[in-house]
Amino acid sequence: MKKITLFILIFLCLNFSYSQEINAKVIVNSESINQTNSSVFKNLEISLSNFINNSSWSNVNYSEFEKVNLSILLSITSYSNNSYVANIEFQASRPVFNSSYSTPIFNYIEKNFQFDYLEFEPIIYRDNQFDSKISSLFGFYINIIVGIDHDSFVINSGNYFYDISKKILNYANQSNVPGWNSSHNGGKFNKFWLIEYLTSNDSNEFSNFLFNYHVNGLDLMHSDIFSAKKNIANSISSLKSLQQRKPNSILLKILFDSKSDEIKDIFSGGSFFDVTSLVSDLNYLNPFLSNKWNSIR
């Protein structure tokens, strides 16, 4: 009987004890409001940090080096009777092979997010139902971040996580929670359209870009800089069909919000690389950043 019990315990540990994927740093900034009791914001910060870092978001074992680094800044703009309004900024990065460099993969700001939080109350998250505004929002974005991270290693491996985020959005809309429908925030750059594009055929170029830019580009830098730059340039060029089909889509927005500075740095100086076609492609994909693109030499 003891042997059977021991076997069951070992089986459970092997199948359900996974290392966490996220290394999150959460900061709650309440400087813009007049509130003398700062402990409630500190405890919110601790609760969110524990919730994100102590949860397993997939069944993949991550080494410490492989973890996604995630910085979250909650800028509180309103607080009254356990009700908050905040702008929430997500900045995620993943490590580059054979280097100490971490590359940005997701930069996004959720503006004017309203939620309730009772101090010391545990944050409960289940991906098969709506529990609370705060757990649903963070579950939504973290699954997207984990999906993007997976796509940056294996093409289309992020789809499973995008589907979870879409379920979270559907549960929120079924519960008539404001801020999750297609018309929110002007009806273009919001949670609805972000996950709509990520779970549609329009994400094919995006997923291919993530793989080729990282695996065939940045991860190759340590051994063959010229080939790595060429592959990165080709991955950027491959996005033109997406821009032609869906001009200025939210996928291209989050891509360049995350990658524009890095792209400029990669192709500015160093080993010789003809950037003429690259600059043309970048100006087509995001003309709003033309000053940055045209400064690449």
Protein backbone atom coordinates (compact mmCIF):
# COMPACT_ATOMS: atom_id res chain seq x y z
CA MET A 1 0.00 0.00 0.00
CA LYS A 2 2.85 2.37 0.89
CA LYS A 3 4.51 1.68 -2.49
CA ILE A 4 1.29 2.49 -4.33
CA THR A 5 0.89 5.74 -2.39
CA LEU A 6 4.50 6.72 -3.11
CA PHE A 7 4.01 6.00 -6.82
CA ILE A 8 0.93 8.21 -6.92
CA LEU A 9 2.78 11.05 -5.22
CA ILE A 10 5.68 10.80 -7.67
CA PHE A 11 3.26 10.73 -10.60
CA LEU A 12 1.49 13.86 -9.37
CA CYS A 13 4.77 15.69 -8.91
CA LEU A 14 5.99 14.76 -12.37
CA ASN A 15 2.79 15.80 -14.09
CA PHE A 16 1.55 18.81 -12.16
CA SER A 17 4.55 20.48 -10.54
CA TYR A 18 5.89 22.84 -13.15
CA SER A 19 8.29 25.71 -12.89
CA GLN A 20 6.76 29.13 -13.48
CA GLU A 21 7.22 30.79 -16.85
CA ILE A 22 7.12 34.41 -15.74
CA ASN A 23 9.59 36.48 -13.77
CA ALA A 24 7.41 39.49 -13.03
CA LYS A 25 8.19 42.77 -11.34
CA VAL A 26 5.04 44.68 -10.39
CA ILE A 27 5.03 48.33 -9.36
CA VAL A 28 1.91 50.15 -8.17
CA ASN A 29 2.33 53.93 -8.46
CA SER A 30 -0.23 56.02 -6.54
CA GLU A 31 1.58 59.37 -6.62
CA SER A 32 -1.08 61.06 -8.74
CA ILE A 33 -3.85 60.62 -6.15
CA ASN A 34 -4.27 62.04 -2.66
CA GLN A 35 -4.29 58.96 -0.46
CA THR A 36 -2.60 58.80 2.94
CA ASN A 37 -3.00 55.04 3.39
CA SER A 38 -0.30 53.75 1.08
CA SER A 39 -0.37 50.21 2.50
CA VAL A 40 -3.34 49.24 0.36
CA PHE A 41 -1.31 49.93 -2.80
CA LYS A 42 1.72 48.07 -1.48
CA ASN A 43 -0.44 45.06 -0.66
CA LEU A 44 -1.99 45.20 -4.12
CA GLU A 45 1.54 45.16 -5.53
CA ILE A 46 2.46 42.12 -3.43
CA SER A 47 -0.77 40.27 -4.25
CA LEU A 48 -0.30 40.76 -7.99
CA SER A 49 3.37 39.74 -7.83
CA ASN A 50 2.51 36.54 -5.97
CA PHE A 51 -0.42 35.82 -8.27
CA ILE A 52 1.67 36.11 -11.45
CA ASN A 53 4.95 34.59 -10.26
CA ASN A 54 3.47 31.69 -8.31
CA SER A 55 1.04 30.55 -11.00
CA SER A 56 1.86 28.03 -13.71
CA TRP A 57 0.66 29.32 -17.05
CA SER A 58 1.61 26.27 -19.15
CA ASN A 59 2.84 22.68 -18.77
CA VAL A 60 6.33 23.54 -19.98
CA ASN A 61 9.29 23.44 -17.60
CA TYR A 62 11.30 26.66 -17.83
CA SER A 63 14.83 27.02 -16.55
CA GLU A 64 15.61 30.29 -14.77
CA PHE A 65 17.39 31.57 -17.91
CA GLU A 66 14.40 30.80 -20.16
CA LYS A 67 11.81 32.68 -18.14
CA VAL A 68 9.99 35.65 -19.61
CA ASN A 69 10.90 38.87 -17.84
CA LEU A 70 7.80 40.97 -17.29
CA SER A 71 7.58 44.49 -15.90
CA ILE A 72 4.13 45.75 -14.96
CA LEU A 73 3.45 49.33 -13.94
CA LEU A 74 0.03 50.19 -12.50
CA SER A 75 -0.40 53.94 -12.41
CA ILE A 76 -3.40 54.57 -10.18
CA THR A 77 -5.48 57.53 -11.37
CA SER A 78 -8.47 57.08 -9.06
CA TYR A 79 -9.22 55.24 -5.82
CA SER A 80 -12.28 55.15 -3.58
CA ASN A 81 -13.81 52.45 -1.39
CA ASN A 82 -11.75 49.57 -2.85
CA SER A 83 -12.51 50.72 -6.40
CA TYR A 84 -9.55 51.61 -8.65
CA VAL A 85 -8.90 53.13 -12.03
CA ALA A 86 -5.42 52.59 -13.45
CA ASN A 87 -3.29 52.69 -16.57
CA ILE A 88 -1.44 49.38 -16.73
CA GLU A 89 1.76 49.06 -18.75
CA PHE A 90 3.11 45.64 -19.71
CA GLN A 91 6.71 45.23 -20.90
CA ALA A 92 7.83 41.66 -21.59
CA SER A 93 11.13 40.32 -22.92
CA ARG A 94 12.66 36.94 -23.62
CA PRO A 95 16.34 35.89 -23.47
CA VAL A 96 18.49 35.69 -26.60
CA PHE A 97 20.47 32.49 -27.16
CA ASN A 98 24.16 32.58 -26.12
CA SER A 99 24.01 36.13 -24.78
CA SER A 100 23.07 38.14 -21.73
CA TYR A 101 20.68 40.24 -23.84
CA SER A 102 16.91 40.12 -23.37
CA THR A 103 14.78 41.16 -26.34
CA PRO A 104 11.42 42.95 -25.97
CA ILE A 105 8.46 40.91 -27.21
CA PHE A 106 5.41 42.80 -25.90
CA ASN A 107 4.89 46.44 -24.90
CA TYR A 108 1.30 47.47 -24.30
CA ILE A 109 -0.71 49.89 -22.15
CA GLU A 110 -4.21 49.11 -20.90
CA LYS A 111 -5.70 52.54 -20.27
CA ASN A 112 -8.36 53.53 -17.73
CA PHE A 113 -8.89 50.03 -16.41
CA GLN A 114 -11.48 49.94 -13.62
CA PHE A 115 -11.39 47.16 -11.03
CA ASP A 116 -12.22 46.37 -7.44
CA TYR A 117 -9.73 44.98 -4.95
CA LEU A 118 -10.25 44.37 -1.25
CA GLU A 119 -6.98 44.54 0.65
CA PHE A 120 -5.55 41.09 1.50
CA GLU A 121 -8.22 39.36 -0.58
CA PRO A 122 -6.68 36.56 -2.71
CA ILE A 123 -6.72 37.00 -6.48
CA ILE A 124 -8.50 33.99 -7.94
CA TYR A 125 -8.06 33.05 -11.58
CA ARG A 126 -9.64 30.26 -13.59
CA ASP A 127 -9.43 30.18 -17.36
CA ASN A 128 -12.84 28.54 -17.72
CA GLN A 129 -14.97 31.24 -16.09
CA PHE A 130 -15.06 34.91 -15.13
CA ASP A 131 -13.91 35.45 -11.53
CA SER A 132 -12.97 39.12 -11.31
CA LYS A 133 -11.93 42.03 -13.48
CA ILE A 134 -8.38 42.06 -12.18
CA SER A 135 -7.68 38.33 -12.49
CA SER A 136 -9.28 38.17 -15.93
CA LEU A 137 -7.27 41.12 -17.24
CA PHE A 138 -3.95 39.76 -16.05
CA GLY A 139 -4.80 36.22 -17.14
CA PHE A 140 -5.71 37.61 -20.57
CA TYR A 141 -2.45 39.48 -21.12
CA ILE A 142 -0.15 36.91 -19.54
CA ASN A 143 -1.48 34.15 -21.78
CA ILE A 144 -0.86 36.42 -24.78
CA ILE A 145 2.68 37.11 -23.56
CA VAL A 146 3.37 33.40 -23.01
CA GLY A 147 1.92 32.72 -26.48
CA ILE A 148 4.20 35.30 -28.12
CA ASP A 149 7.16 33.85 -26.26
CA HIS A 150 6.31 30.34 -27.55
CA ASP A 151 5.87 31.64 -31.10
CA SER A 152 9.33 33.17 -30.91
CA PHE A 153 10.76 29.64 -30.54
CA VAL A 154 8.33 27.43 -32.53
CA ILE A 155 5.95 28.64 -35.27
CA ASN A 156 2.28 28.64 -34.20
CA SER A 157 3.06 27.18 -30.78
CA GLY A 158 1.40 30.21 -29.20
CA ASN A 159 -2.07 29.40 -30.55
CA TYR A 160 -3.04 27.39 -27.47
CA PHE A 161 -2.45 30.40 -25.22
CA TYR A 162 -4.19 32.86 -27.56
CA ASP A 163 -7.25 30.59 -27.47
CA ILE A 164 -7.25 30.78 -23.66
CA SER A 165 -7.14 34.58 -23.84
CA LYS A 166 -10.06 34.57 -26.26
CA LYS A 167 -12.07 32.41 -23.85
CA ILE A 168 -11.31 34.90 -21.06
CA LEU A 169 -12.57 37.73 -23.28
CA ASN A 170 -15.72 35.77 -24.15
CA TYR A 171 -16.46 35.05 -20.48
CA ALA A 172 -16.02 38.74 -19.65
CA ASN A 173 -18.40 39.78 -22.42
CA GLN A 174 -20.94 37.14 -21.37
CA SER A 175 -20.84 38.70 -17.90
CA ASN A 176 -21.39 42.16 -19.46
CA VAL A 177 -18.12 43.49 -18.08
CA PRO A 178 -17.29 46.86 -19.68
CA GLY A 179 -14.05 47.30 -21.61
CA TRP A 180 -13.95 43.95 -23.39
CA ASN A 181 -16.13 44.54 -26.46
CA SER A 182 -15.12 45.52 -29.99
CA SER A 183 -16.03 49.21 -29.63
CA HIS A 184 -13.95 49.86 -26.52
CA ASN A 185 -11.29 52.60 -26.78
CA GLY A 186 -12.43 53.81 -30.18
CA GLY A 187 -12.98 50.36 -31.63
CA LYS A 188 -9.55 49.60 -33.07
CA PHE A 189 -6.74 49.17 -30.56
CA ASN A 190 -8.25 47.18 -27.72
CA LYS A 191 -8.34 43.70 -26.17
CA PHE A 192 -11.10 42.49 -28.47
CA TRP A 193 -9.24 43.23 -31.71
CA LEU A 194 -5.88 42.15 -30.32
CA ILE A 195 -7.08 38.63 -29.61
CA GLU A 196 -9.35 38.59 -32.67
CA TYR A 197 -6.31 39.05 -34.92
CA LEU A 198 -4.09 36.70 -32.93
CA THR A 199 -6.61 33.87 -33.30
CA SER A 200 -7.37 34.45 -37.00
CA ASN A 201 -5.50 33.67 -40.21
CA ASP A 202 -4.27 37.26 -40.11
CA SER A 203 -1.77 36.17 -37.47
CA ASN A 204 0.15 33.84 -39.82
CA GLU A 205 2.68 36.47 -40.89
CA PHE A 206 2.95 37.67 -37.30
CA SER A 207 3.75 34.18 -35.99
CA ASN A 208 6.24 33.55 -38.80
CA PHE A 209 7.89 36.90 -38.09
CA LEU A 210 8.29 36.08 -34.39
CA PHE A 211 10.01 32.80 -35.21
CA ASN A 212 12.30 34.01 -37.98
CA TYR A 213 13.22 37.30 -36.30
CA HIS A 214 14.26 35.52 -33.10
CA VAL A 215 15.39 31.98 -33.93
CA ASN A 216 16.93 32.72 -37.34
CA GLY A 217 17.93 36.27 -36.39
CA LEU A 218 18.77 37.31 -32.85
CA ASP A 219 19.57 33.78 -31.67
CA LEU A 220 22.07 33.50 -34.54
CA MET A 221 23.90 36.74 -33.76
CA HIS A 222 26.54 35.04 -31.65
CA SER A 223 27.85 32.99 -34.59
CA ASP A 224 26.93 34.76 -37.85
CA ILE A 225 26.02 38.43 -37.61
CA PHE A 226 25.58 39.02 -41.35
CA SER A 227 23.21 36.05 -41.84
CA ALA A 228 21.31 37.03 -38.69
CA LYS A 229 20.79 40.58 -39.98
CA LYS A 230 19.73 39.26 -43.39
CA ASN A 231 17.17 36.95 -41.79
CA ILE A 232 15.84 39.74 -39.58
CA ALA A 233 15.47 42.01 -42.62
CA ASN A 234 13.64 39.24 -44.49
CA SER A 235 11.33 38.65 -41.53
CA ILE A 236 10.41 42.33 -41.54
CA SER A 237 9.82 42.29 -45.30
CA SER A 238 7.48 39.31 -44.89
CA LEU A 239 5.06 41.52 -42.96
CA LYS A 240 4.21 43.60 -46.04
CA SER A 241 1.40 41.23 -47.05
CA LEU A 242 -0.21 41.77 -43.63
CA GLN A 243 0.06 45.55 -43.99
CA GLN A 244 -1.44 45.35 -47.48
CA ARG A 245 -4.35 43.21 -46.27
CA LYS A 246 -4.91 44.89 -42.88
CA PRO A 247 -3.28 48.35 -42.91
CA ASN A 248 -2.02 49.55 -39.52
CA SER A 249 -3.43 46.53 -37.70
CA ILE A 250 -3.00 46.16 -33.97
CA LEU A 251 -0.53 43.30 -34.57
CA LEU A 252 1.82 45.63 -36.41
CA LYS A 253 1.32 48.26 -33.72
CA ILE A 254 2.36 45.98 -30.85
CA LEU A 255 5.24 44.65 -32.94
CA PHE A 256 6.75 48.06 -33.62
CA ASP A 257 5.92 49.39 -30.15
CA SER A 258 8.11 46.55 -28.90
CA LYS A 259 10.77 46.32 -31.60
CA SER A 260 11.34 49.69 -33.27
CA ASP A 261 14.27 50.79 -31.09
CA GLU A 262 15.86 47.36 -31.29
CA ILE A 263 15.55 47.24 -35.09
CA LYS A 264 17.19 50.64 -35.38
CA ASP A 265 20.04 49.55 -33.11
CA ILE A 266 20.62 46.26 -34.97
CA PHE A 267 21.05 47.93 -38.35
CA SER A 268 22.88 51.07 -37.23
CA GLY A 269 26.62 50.53 -37.53
CA GLY A 270 28.47 47.26 -37.06
CA SER A 271 29.13 44.89 -39.94
CA PHE A 272 28.24 46.17 -43.42
CA PHE A 273 24.67 45.55 -44.50
CA ASP A 274 22.79 47.31 -47.28
CA VAL A 275 19.73 48.76 -45.52
CA THR A 276 18.11 50.41 -48.56
CA SER A 277 15.34 47.82 -49.00
CA LEU A 278 14.92 47.43 -45.25
CA VAL A 279 14.33 51.15 -44.71
CA SER A 280 11.82 51.17 -47.57
CA ASP A 281 9.96 48.22 -46.04
CA LEU A 282 9.94 49.82 -42.60
CA ASN A 283 8.56 53.09 -43.96
CA TYR A 284 5.78 51.13 -45.68
CA LEU A 285 4.97 49.10 -42.58
CA ASN A 286 5.02 52.03 -40.15
CA PRO A 287 5.36 55.47 -41.77
CA PHE A 288 4.72 57.15 -38.40
CA LEU A 289 8.25 56.15 -37.40
CA SER A 290 9.88 57.43 -40.59
CA ASN A 291 12.32 59.68 -38.72
CA LYS A 292 13.64 56.67 -36.85
CA TRP A 293 13.82 54.47 -39.96
CA ASN A 294 15.51 57.12 -42.08
CA SER A 295 18.22 57.54 -39.46
CA ILE A 296 19.39 53.93 -39.99
CA ARG A 297 22.77 53.96 -41.70
